[in-house]
């Protein structure tokens, strides 16, 4: 069977035995030849109308025919095994559990105790990844749900790995039909070697976002032979592989849309090698660079209210020139030393809240502004990384109250009431900028929802009332403490019933 595949790939007669250097050097062409041969044998191209139903039916017929090959040892030569192990390691699952990176503050839906990991393998096929979930991640077959449109592929998977939960059907339809209790309970969704086959990649990502946990669940798009290999498959038959893999992080983010996928954050991206057999230019192991490797890793972080609001007041210090000019929004670094002790209890991350700049010129100094603040160490910039936490606040535009000048030396009051994501080190400044713009969008949406919108009426912001209920803050005083969110909401709602929405701040 394998020899016939090679003949289809090369156009020549089937050899009697493996070619020199086989299996690593010619695996690319073997699999590509298989795709071409099966697509031609299945036929039905003329009647294919591109609808989701027709697409799923064609996928099922092609891969039903491919099941014997993918269930054989020839489908996974030794050169591919390290890449399959690398794919499963992208889930972040170790020793059978997944823990989101960094500490996460308390709030609804947050799991602080480790639980056994659960994985969805999209396009599970005959189970290529199943041995490595177990060996590399500690995830047993019974904790994996495999979804595939090919019934014969699933039959082969069941024979090879009994006990795996297998679902016959389209992944997006399955994910969208999950009841509330099962949606959002998986630690990872892996879409390996089939993302280009999806009828609607954006819908697939939105479905994956619906399936994984909201506090850092991972979605992995991968291909062990790389993006260039998928491009060649698409060129051979776009009815089987209608899409190429997203070429870069920007292309991945463009697929997220404004539905369930909007909560996915790109945290790692690799598009390596893939020039074709023997023509790679990467730095991987022999054979690996030629065939390539592709992985886009996303995490789902749903913005949510904090259990305890973070109340801050401190002078604005000079930063590093990375914020206002490049982001297009006013940015303020609060003086670190006065806040250092209080921030020790605050998990590093990105928060949403409300801000007042005391004594800012014009209407801006009399307004309460929406804010997105990073509390952490700025790890993306190694030479500027901080030994203790800092607060860097981005102020979103407020209608009728633009800032006419900088506000260095002014004091800022902040009430941080929502959590967006943990702090993360990004590979480049453009990647950081993309994440910050996503933070701003997510933060604005969260602050526009009840009950957090009412915190714009917080007496601490409008009147300078101390968060412990005192008459006011001493001029020059610094605040860094946490208060129960319910208490802050009660104070804001009570104050809002009697006071105008925006008043001059207590201090100037």
Protein backbone atom coordinates (compact mmCIF):
# COMPACT_ATOMS: atom_id res chain seq x y z
CA UNK A 1 0.00 0.00 0.00
CA UNK A 2 2.78 2.41 0.87
CA UNK A 3 4.57 1.68 -2.39
CA UNK A 4 1.41 2.54 -4.28
CA UNK A 5 1.28 5.85 -2.44
CA UNK A 6 4.85 6.60 -3.47
CA UNK A 7 4.03 5.78 -7.06
CA UNK A 8 1.12 8.20 -6.98
CA UNK A 9 3.39 10.89 -5.55
CA UNK A 10 6.19 10.52 -8.08
CA UNK A 11 4.29 9.45 -11.17
CA UNK A 12 6.56 6.41 -11.54
CA UNK A 13 6.11 2.70 -10.88
CA UNK A 14 5.90 1.44 -7.32
CA UNK A 15 9.34 0.40 -6.09
CA UNK A 16 9.89 -2.96 -4.48
CA UNK A 17 11.17 -1.48 -1.22
CA UNK A 18 11.75 1.80 0.61
CA UNK A 19 13.74 4.46 -1.15
CA UNK A 20 17.14 5.49 0.18
CA UNK A 21 16.79 7.53 3.35
CA UNK A 22 13.25 6.35 3.88
CA UNK A 23 11.18 7.02 5.99
CA UNK A 24 12.32 10.52 6.95
CA UNK A 25 13.37 11.95 3.59
CA UNK A 26 10.30 11.02 1.55
CA UNK A 27 7.49 11.09 4.11
CA UNK A 28 6.34 14.47 2.78
CA UNK A 29 5.78 13.10 -0.73
CA UNK A 30 4.32 9.80 0.50
CA UNK A 31 1.54 11.55 2.39
CA UNK A 32 1.00 14.11 -0.35
CA UNK A 33 0.74 11.32 -2.92
CA UNK A 34 -1.79 9.54 -0.74
CA UNK A 35 -3.97 12.66 -0.60
CA UNK A 36 -3.86 13.06 -4.37
CA UNK A 37 -4.65 9.43 -5.11
CA UNK A 38 -7.53 9.19 -2.67
CA UNK A 39 -9.07 12.49 -3.77
CA UNK A 40 -9.02 11.27 -7.37
CA UNK A 41 -10.39 7.81 -6.51
CA UNK A 42 -13.24 9.16 -4.40
CA UNK A 43 -14.37 11.39 -7.25
CA UNK A 44 -17.50 13.55 -6.78
CA UNK A 45 -15.50 16.74 -7.49
CA UNK A 46 -17.90 17.86 -10.21
CA UNK A 47 -20.89 17.58 -7.86
CA UNK A 48 -19.08 19.27 -4.95
CA UNK A 49 -20.83 22.58 -4.27
CA UNK A 50 -18.75 23.83 -1.34
CA UNK A 51 -21.57 23.79 1.22
CA UNK A 52 -20.78 22.60 4.75
CA UNK A 53 -22.75 19.40 4.18
CA UNK A 54 -20.99 18.60 0.90
CA UNK A 55 -17.63 19.45 2.42
CA UNK A 56 -18.12 17.15 5.41
CA UNK A 57 -19.28 14.34 3.13
CA UNK A 58 -16.23 14.65 0.90
CA UNK A 59 -13.88 14.75 3.88
CA UNK A 60 -15.52 11.62 5.26
CA UNK A 61 -15.21 9.70 1.98
CA UNK A 62 -11.58 10.66 1.39
CA UNK A 63 -10.42 9.83 4.90
CA UNK A 64 -12.49 6.66 5.12
CA UNK A 65 -10.32 5.46 2.25
CA UNK A 66 -7.17 6.70 4.00
CA UNK A 67 -7.84 4.90 7.28
CA UNK A 68 -5.73 1.76 6.51
CA UNK A 69 -2.64 3.85 5.83
CA UNK A 70 -3.01 6.15 8.85
CA UNK A 71 -3.54 3.13 11.10
CA UNK A 72 -0.25 1.61 9.91
CA UNK A 73 3.26 2.18 11.24
CA UNK A 74 4.20 3.78 7.93
CA UNK A 75 2.05 6.81 8.79
CA UNK A 76 4.36 7.80 11.65
CA UNK A 77 8.05 7.43 10.72
CA UNK A 78 10.66 8.06 13.38
CA UNK A 79 11.35 11.57 12.09
CA UNK A 80 7.79 12.67 12.83
CA UNK A 81 7.56 11.35 16.39
CA UNK A 82 9.51 14.25 18.02
CA UNK A 83 7.16 16.69 16.33
CA UNK A 84 4.07 14.88 17.56
CA UNK A 85 5.51 15.01 21.07
CA UNK A 86 6.11 18.71 20.60
CA UNK A 87 2.49 19.21 19.48
CA UNK A 88 1.03 17.65 22.64
CA UNK A 89 3.48 19.60 24.81
CA UNK A 90 1.92 22.83 23.44
CA UNK A 91 -1.13 22.04 25.58
CA UNK A 92 0.85 22.98 28.70
CA UNK A 93 -0.41 19.84 30.46
CA UNK A 94 2.13 18.16 32.71
CA UNK A 95 1.69 15.09 34.89
CA UNK A 96 -1.97 14.88 33.98
CA UNK A 97 -2.96 18.40 35.10
CA UNK A 98 -3.05 21.84 33.51
CA UNK A 99 -2.30 24.97 35.48
CA UNK A 100 -2.64 28.34 33.71
CA UNK A 101 0.58 30.38 33.80
CA UNK A 102 1.04 32.60 36.81
CA UNK A 103 -1.23 33.27 39.76
CA UNK A 104 -4.84 34.22 39.04
CA UNK A 105 -6.93 36.35 41.42
CA UNK A 106 -10.07 34.96 42.99
CA UNK A 107 -13.29 35.29 41.08
CA UNK A 108 -16.24 33.36 39.65
CA UNK A 109 -15.33 30.25 37.65
CA UNK A 110 -11.69 30.14 38.79
CA UNK A 111 -10.15 26.77 39.65
CA UNK A 112 -7.30 27.02 42.13
CA UNK A 113 -7.08 23.32 42.93
CA UNK A 114 -5.54 21.16 40.17
CA UNK A 115 -7.93 18.70 38.53
CA UNK A 116 -7.22 15.87 36.05
CA UNK A 117 -6.80 17.32 32.57
CA UNK A 118 -9.32 16.70 29.78
CA UNK A 119 -8.43 17.14 26.09
CA UNK A 120 -10.40 17.34 22.84
CA UNK A 121 -8.50 16.03 19.81
CA UNK A 122 -10.07 17.47 16.65
CA UNK A 123 -9.54 15.30 13.59
CA UNK A 124 -8.30 12.54 15.88
CA UNK A 125 -8.11 10.14 12.93
CA UNK A 126 -6.63 6.83 13.93
CA UNK A 127 -5.12 8.31 17.11
CA UNK A 128 -1.72 9.64 16.03
CA UNK A 129 -1.40 11.84 19.13
CA UNK A 130 -2.94 9.52 21.72
CA UNK A 131 0.29 7.70 22.75
CA UNK A 132 1.98 11.05 23.35
CA UNK A 133 -0.81 12.60 25.42
CA UNK A 134 -0.10 9.70 27.77
CA UNK A 135 3.71 9.67 27.63
CA UNK A 136 4.40 13.43 27.50
CA UNK A 137 1.41 14.92 29.33
CA UNK A 138 0.23 12.15 31.61
CA UNK A 139 -3.25 12.23 30.05
CA UNK A 140 -4.80 8.74 29.73
CA UNK A 141 -6.85 7.73 26.70
CA UNK A 142 -10.03 7.89 28.76
CA UNK A 143 -9.48 11.63 29.34
CA UNK A 144 -9.31 12.38 25.60
CA UNK A 145 -12.38 13.09 23.48
CA UNK A 146 -11.61 12.48 19.80
CA UNK A 147 -13.81 14.03 17.10
CA UNK A 148 -13.68 13.07 13.42
CA UNK A 149 -15.95 13.02 10.36
CA UNK A 150 -14.49 9.69 9.18
CA UNK A 151 -16.21 6.65 10.66
CA UNK A 152 -13.50 4.26 9.47
CA UNK A 153 -10.79 6.42 11.05
CA UNK A 154 -12.65 6.28 14.37
CA UNK A 155 -13.10 2.51 14.10
CA UNK A 156 -9.35 2.14 13.64
CA UNK A 157 -8.73 4.51 16.59
CA UNK A 158 -11.04 2.48 18.84
CA UNK A 159 -9.25 -0.73 17.87
CA UNK A 160 -5.84 0.80 18.64
CA UNK A 161 -6.79 2.74 21.79
CA UNK A 162 -9.80 1.22 23.56
CA UNK A 163 -11.47 3.47 26.10
CA UNK A 164 -11.02 6.71 24.20
CA UNK A 165 -14.25 8.71 23.99
CA UNK A 166 -14.88 9.11 20.26
CA UNK A 167 -17.42 11.35 18.52
CA UNK A 168 -18.39 10.83 14.88
CA UNK A 169 -19.27 14.17 13.32
CA UNK A 170 -18.21 17.73 12.58
CA UNK A 171 -16.30 19.35 15.44
CA UNK A 172 -17.91 22.79 15.18
CA UNK A 173 -21.41 21.31 15.21
CA UNK A 174 -20.53 19.08 18.17
CA UNK A 175 -19.01 21.95 20.17
CA UNK A 176 -21.93 24.27 19.48
CA UNK A 177 -24.39 21.63 20.67
CA UNK A 178 -22.68 20.96 24.01
CA UNK A 179 -24.90 21.67 27.01
CA UNK A 180 -23.90 24.42 29.40
CA UNK A 181 -22.40 22.00 31.91
CA UNK A 182 -19.91 20.54 29.41
CA UNK A 183 -18.97 23.65 27.45
CA UNK A 184 -15.93 25.35 28.94
CA UNK A 185 -14.76 22.34 30.93
CA UNK A 186 -11.89 21.03 28.78
CA UNK A 187 -8.30 22.10 29.42
CA UNK A 188 -7.15 21.95 25.80
CA UNK A 189 -8.43 21.54 22.25
CA UNK A 190 -5.85 20.31 19.73
CA UNK A 191 -6.55 20.78 16.01
CA UNK A 192 -3.65 18.81 14.55
CA UNK A 193 -3.03 18.28 10.83
CA UNK A 194 -6.59 19.25 9.87
CA UNK A 195 -7.09 23.01 10.32
CA UNK A 196 -6.61 23.55 6.58
CA UNK A 197 -9.34 20.96 5.97
CA UNK A 198 -11.95 22.92 7.92
CA UNK A 199 -14.81 24.36 5.93
CA UNK A 200 -14.79 27.49 8.11
CA UNK A 201 -11.57 28.00 10.17
CA UNK A 202 -13.01 30.98 12.06
CA UNK A 203 -16.02 28.92 13.14
CA UNK A 204 -13.67 26.14 14.24
CA UNK A 205 -11.73 28.57 16.47
CA UNK A 206 -14.94 29.98 17.95
CA UNK A 207 -16.14 26.43 18.66
CA UNK A 208 -12.82 25.57 20.29
CA UNK A 209 -13.08 28.69 22.45
CA UNK A 210 -16.51 27.57 23.60
CA UNK A 211 -15.15 24.18 24.63
CA UNK A 212 -12.09 25.15 26.71
CA UNK A 213 -12.11 26.53 30.24
CA UNK A 214 -12.45 30.32 30.51
CA UNK A 215 -9.43 30.81 32.80
CA UNK A 216 -6.58 29.89 30.44
CA UNK A 217 -7.81 26.85 28.51
CA UNK A 218 -5.61 26.25 25.48
CA UNK A 219 -6.34 25.84 21.77
CA UNK A 220 -3.51 24.41 19.66
CA UNK A 221 -3.51 24.60 15.85
CA UNK A 222 -0.66 22.46 14.58
CA UNK A 223 0.81 20.45 11.74
CA UNK A 224 3.91 18.27 12.20
CA UNK A 225 4.93 18.70 8.55
CA UNK A 226 4.51 22.48 8.46
CA UNK A 227 2.55 25.18 6.65
CA UNK A 228 4.27 24.73 3.28
CA UNK A 229 3.13 21.11 3.21
CA UNK A 230 -0.49 22.19 3.77
CA UNK A 231 -0.12 24.77 0.98
CA UNK A 232 0.94 22.00 -1.42
CA UNK A 233 -2.03 19.84 -0.39
CA UNK A 234 -4.34 22.77 -1.07
CA UNK A 235 -2.78 23.32 -4.47
CA UNK A 236 -3.32 19.63 -5.28
CA UNK A 237 -7.03 19.61 -4.32
CA UNK A 238 -8.71 22.59 -2.65
CA UNK A 239 -11.92 20.59 -2.18
CA UNK A 240 -10.09 18.46 0.40
CA UNK A 241 -7.80 21.17 1.83
CA UNK A 242 -9.56 24.50 1.14
CA UNK A 243 -7.31 26.67 3.32
CA UNK A 244 -3.65 27.29 4.01
CA UNK A 245 -2.51 27.69 7.60
CA UNK A 246 -2.41 31.28 8.93
CA UNK A 247 1.00 32.62 7.95
CA UNK A 248 1.66 34.69 11.09
CA UNK A 249 0.18 35.89 14.34
CA UNK A 250 -1.74 38.69 12.66
CA UNK A 251 -3.44 36.16 10.36
CA UNK A 252 -4.39 34.01 13.35
CA UNK A 253 -5.87 36.99 15.19
CA UNK A 254 -7.85 37.96 12.08
CA UNK A 255 -9.81 34.69 12.43
CA UNK A 256 -10.96 35.35 15.99
CA UNK A 257 -13.87 37.64 15.10
CA UNK A 258 -16.23 39.16 17.65
CA UNK A 259 -17.99 35.98 18.81
CA UNK A 260 -16.70 33.28 21.15
CA UNK A 261 -13.30 33.47 19.46
CA UNK A 262 -12.69 37.02 20.69
CA UNK A 263 -11.62 35.71 24.10
CA UNK A 264 -8.73 33.71 22.63
CA UNK A 265 -5.24 35.18 23.07
CA UNK A 266 -2.33 34.12 20.86
CA UNK A 267 0.50 33.20 23.25
CA UNK A 268 2.95 31.30 21.01
CA UNK A 269 3.51 30.88 17.29
CA UNK A 270 5.94 28.71 15.31
CA UNK A 271 6.12 28.41 11.52
CA UNK A 272 9.37 26.60 10.85
CA UNK A 273 11.07 25.05 7.83
CA UNK A 274 8.82 23.46 5.31
CA UNK A 275 10.71 24.16 2.08
CA UNK A 276 10.13 20.56 1.01
CA UNK A 277 12.12 17.32 1.30
CA UNK A 278 15.81 18.10 1.59
CA UNK A 279 15.32 21.83 1.03
CA UNK A 280 14.81 23.16 4.55
CA UNK A 281 16.81 26.00 6.02
CA UNK A 282 15.88 25.70 9.69
CA UNK A 283 18.03 24.64 12.60
CA UNK A 284 16.08 21.54 13.67
CA UNK A 285 17.17 17.92 13.58
CA UNK A 286 18.02 16.26 10.30
CA UNK A 287 14.82 15.77 8.29
CA UNK A 288 12.76 17.91 10.67
CA UNK A 289 13.78 21.22 9.11
CA UNK A 290 12.88 19.94 5.64
CA UNK A 291 9.38 18.85 6.57
CA UNK A 292 8.73 21.80 8.87
CA UNK A 293 6.66 22.36 11.97
CA UNK A 294 3.68 24.61 12.63
CA UNK A 295 1.93 25.56 15.87
CA UNK A 296 -0.30 28.45 16.90
CA UNK A 297 -1.11 28.33 20.62
CA UNK A 298 -4.00 30.35 22.03
CA UNK A 299 -5.43 30.72 25.52
CA UNK A 300 -8.99 31.61 26.44
CA UNK A 301 -9.32 34.36 29.03
CA UNK A 302 -12.84 35.59 29.62
CA UNK A 303 -12.85 39.00 31.36
CA UNK A 304 -14.52 38.78 34.77
CA UNK A 305 -15.10 40.83 37.91
CA UNK A 306 -12.66 40.52 40.76
CA UNK A 307 -13.75 39.25 44.14
CA UNK A 308 -11.82 42.14 45.72
CA UNK A 309 -11.35 45.52 44.04
CA UNK A 310 -7.80 46.92 43.99
CA UNK A 311 -7.74 50.54 45.14
CA UNK A 312 -4.65 52.61 44.29
CA UNK A 313 -3.48 56.20 44.59
CA UNK A 314 0.04 57.33 43.69
CA UNK A 315 1.96 59.95 41.66
CA UNK A 316 2.48 59.42 37.93
CA UNK A 317 6.16 58.81 37.10
CA UNK A 318 8.10 58.98 33.84
CA UNK A 319 8.01 55.64 32.04
CA UNK A 320 10.03 54.23 29.14
CA UNK A 321 8.25 55.91 26.21
CA UNK A 322 6.53 52.68 25.16
CA UNK A 323 2.94 53.68 25.80
CA UNK A 324 1.18 56.84 24.71
CA UNK A 325 2.87 57.46 21.37
CA UNK A 326 2.81 53.89 20.08
CA UNK A 327 -0.57 52.85 21.49
CA UNK A 328 -2.43 56.06 20.77
CA UNK A 329 -3.89 56.24 24.30
CA UNK A 330 -2.65 58.16 27.36
CA UNK A 331 -0.42 55.92 29.47
CA UNK A 332 0.75 56.43 33.03
CA UNK A 333 3.30 54.59 35.15
CA UNK A 334 2.61 55.01 38.85
CA UNK A 335 5.57 55.49 41.18
CA UNK A 336 6.62 51.99 42.18
CA UNK A 337 8.18 52.42 45.62
CA UNK A 338 5.10 53.62 47.54
CA UNK A 339 3.03 50.73 46.14
CA UNK A 340 5.60 47.93 46.36
CA UNK A 341 4.48 46.39 49.64
CA UNK A 342 0.77 46.45 48.84
CA UNK A 343 1.24 45.03 45.33
CA UNK A 344 2.92 41.89 46.68
CA UNK A 345 -0.56 40.42 47.27
CA UNK A 346 -1.79 41.31 43.76
CA UNK A 347 -1.24 38.62 41.08
CA UNK A 348 0.69 39.92 38.06
CA UNK A 349 -1.76 40.49 35.25
CA UNK A 350 -3.88 42.89 33.22
CA UNK A 351 -6.84 44.52 34.95
CA UNK A 352 -9.72 46.83 34.01
CA UNK A 353 -11.06 49.64 36.13
CA UNK A 354 -11.76 53.33 36.55
CA UNK A 355 -9.29 56.21 36.97
CA UNK A 356 -9.11 59.85 37.95
CA UNK A 357 -6.07 62.06 37.27
CA UNK A 358 -5.99 64.68 40.03
CA UNK A 359 -5.29 68.16 38.70
CA UNK A 360 -5.11 67.27 35.00
CA UNK A 361 -5.79 70.27 32.78
CA UNK A 362 -9.28 70.94 31.45
CA UNK A 363 -12.24 68.56 31.47
CA UNK A 364 -9.90 65.55 31.67
CA UNK A 365 -9.16 66.45 35.28
CA UNK A 366 -12.86 66.40 36.17
CA UNK A 367 -13.72 63.09 34.47
CA UNK A 368 -13.67 59.45 35.49
CA UNK A 369 -11.85 57.50 32.79
CA UNK A 370 -11.96 53.84 31.83
CA UNK A 371 -8.56 52.24 32.39
CA UNK A 372 -6.71 49.04 31.54
CA UNK A 373 -3.70 48.52 33.78
CA UNK A 374 -0.83 46.07 33.74
CA UNK A 375 0.31 45.15 37.23
CA UNK A 376 3.59 43.27 37.03
CA UNK A 377 7.23 43.27 36.00
CA UNK A 378 7.16 44.19 32.27
CA UNK A 379 8.92 40.92 31.30
CA UNK A 380 8.81 41.53 27.54
CA UNK A 381 11.54 44.17 27.93
CA UNK A 382 14.31 42.26 29.68
CA UNK A 383 16.65 45.20 30.11
CA UNK A 384 13.83 47.26 31.65
CA UNK A 385 12.19 44.43 33.63
CA UNK A 386 11.48 45.33 37.23
CA UNK A 387 12.46 43.51 40.40
CA UNK A 388 9.15 44.50 42.03
CA UNK A 389 5.72 45.07 40.53
CA UNK A 390 4.76 48.30 38.82
CA UNK A 391 1.41 49.68 37.62
CA UNK A 392 1.15 50.89 34.03
CA UNK A 393 -2.30 52.28 33.26
CA UNK A 394 -3.73 52.95 29.80
CA UNK A 395 -6.62 55.43 29.83
CA UNK A 396 -9.32 54.93 27.22
CA UNK A 397 -10.83 57.99 25.52
CA UNK A 398 -13.59 59.78 27.44
CA UNK A 399 -16.03 61.78 25.34
CA UNK A 400 -15.58 65.50 25.89
CA UNK A 401 -12.60 65.07 28.20
CA UNK A 402 -9.41 64.59 26.16
CA UNK A 403 -6.03 65.09 27.78
CA UNK A 404 -4.43 68.29 26.46
CA UNK A 405 -1.02 67.62 28.01
CA UNK A 406 0.91 64.96 29.87
CA UNK A 407 0.24 64.45 33.55
CA UNK A 408 3.64 63.52 34.99
CA UNK A 409 3.77 64.30 38.70
CA UNK A 410 -0.02 64.35 39.03
CA UNK A 411 -1.64 61.81 41.31
CA UNK A 412 -3.86 59.11 39.89
CA UNK A 413 -6.66 57.27 41.66
CA UNK A 414 -7.50 53.81 40.33
CA UNK A 415 -10.21 51.30 41.20
CA UNK A 416 -9.34 48.04 39.41
CA UNK A 417 -12.40 45.81 39.39
CA UNK A 418 -11.95 43.29 36.54
CA UNK A 419 -9.32 40.74 35.50
CA UNK A 420 -8.44 40.28 31.82
CA UNK A 421 -5.43 37.94 31.70
CA UNK A 422 -2.14 37.08 33.43
CA UNK A 423 1.01 39.02 32.58
CA UNK A 424 3.02 37.35 29.82
CA UNK A 425 6.36 37.81 28.10
CA UNK A 426 5.83 38.42 24.38
CA UNK A 427 8.39 37.56 21.69
CA UNK A 428 8.33 41.05 20.17
CA UNK A 429 7.00 44.56 20.69
CA UNK A 430 4.44 44.22 17.84
CA UNK A 431 3.05 41.12 19.56
CA UNK A 432 2.78 43.09 22.80
CA UNK A 433 1.02 45.97 21.00
CA UNK A 434 -1.50 43.54 19.49
CA UNK A 435 -2.19 42.07 22.95
CA UNK A 436 -2.60 45.52 24.53
CA UNK A 437 -5.09 46.59 21.87
CA UNK A 438 -7.05 43.40 22.55
CA UNK A 439 -6.85 44.21 26.28
CA UNK A 440 -8.28 47.68 25.64
CA UNK A 441 -11.18 46.26 23.68
CA UNK A 442 -11.92 43.57 26.28
CA UNK A 443 -11.59 46.06 29.14
CA UNK A 444 -13.96 48.56 27.55
CA UNK A 445 -16.57 45.84 27.05
CA UNK A 446 -16.26 44.61 30.65
CA UNK A 447 -16.55 48.12 32.14
CA UNK A 448 -19.66 48.76 30.09
CA UNK A 449 -21.48 45.88 31.77
CA UNK A 450 -23.45 45.89 34.98
CA UNK A 451 -22.39 45.98 37.77
CA UNK A 452 -18.86 47.23 37.02
CA UNK A 453 -20.14 50.27 35.12
CA UNK A 454 -21.56 51.62 38.39
CA UNK A 455 -18.07 51.80 39.92
CA UNK A 456 -17.50 55.00 37.94
CA UNK A 457 -19.57 56.49 40.79
CA UNK A 458 -17.19 55.20 43.48
CA UNK A 459 -16.73 57.87 46.21
CA UNK A 460 -13.00 57.18 46.21
CA UNK A 461 -12.84 58.35 42.59
CA UNK A 462 -15.28 61.22 42.76
CA UNK A 463 -14.64 62.64 46.22
CA UNK A 464 -11.33 61.22 47.35
CA UNK A 465 -13.12 59.33 50.13
CA UNK A 466 -10.77 56.78 51.62
CA UNK A 467 -11.62 53.13 50.86
CA UNK A 468 -11.95 52.43 54.59
CA UNK A 469 -14.84 54.90 54.75
CA UNK A 470 -12.91 57.83 56.21
CA UNK A 471 -13.67 61.46 55.45
CA UNK A 472 -10.99 61.82 52.81
CA UNK A 473 -7.38 61.34 51.83
CA UNK A 474 -4.59 63.49 53.12
CA UNK A 475 -2.96 65.47 50.36
CA UNK A 476 0.04 63.51 49.14
CA UNK A 477 -1.23 60.27 50.65
CA UNK A 478 -0.69 56.93 48.88
CA UNK A 479 -3.21 54.10 48.84
CA UNK A 480 -2.73 50.47 47.88
CA UNK A 481 -5.27 48.04 49.29
CA UNK A 482 -7.97 45.58 48.34
CA UNK A 483 -11.61 45.84 49.35
CA UNK A 484 -14.48 43.39 48.76
CA UNK A 485 -16.08 44.20 45.41
CA UNK A 486 -19.58 43.99 46.90
CA UNK A 487 -18.68 46.69 49.41
CA UNK A 488 -17.26 48.94 46.68
CA UNK A 489 -20.39 48.44 44.56
CA UNK A 490 -22.66 49.28 47.47
CA UNK A 491 -20.73 52.51 48.14
CA UNK A 492 -20.80 53.48 44.44
CA UNK A 493 -24.52 52.80 44.06
CA UNK A 494 -25.36 54.72 47.24
CA UNK A 495 -23.23 57.68 46.16
CA UNK A 496 -24.63 57.62 42.62
CA UNK A 497 -28.17 58.03 43.93
CA UNK A 498 -27.34 61.46 45.36
CA UNK A 499 -24.38 62.86 43.47
CA UNK A 500 -23.78 63.90 39.83
CA UNK A 501 -21.89 61.36 37.73
CA UNK A 502 -18.82 63.55 37.38
CA UNK A 503 -17.53 66.03 39.92
CA UNK A 504 -14.25 67.90 40.33
CA UNK A 505 -11.81 65.71 42.27
CA UNK A 506 -11.20 66.59 45.88
CA UNK A 507 -7.56 67.52 45.32
CA UNK A 508 -6.00 69.77 42.70
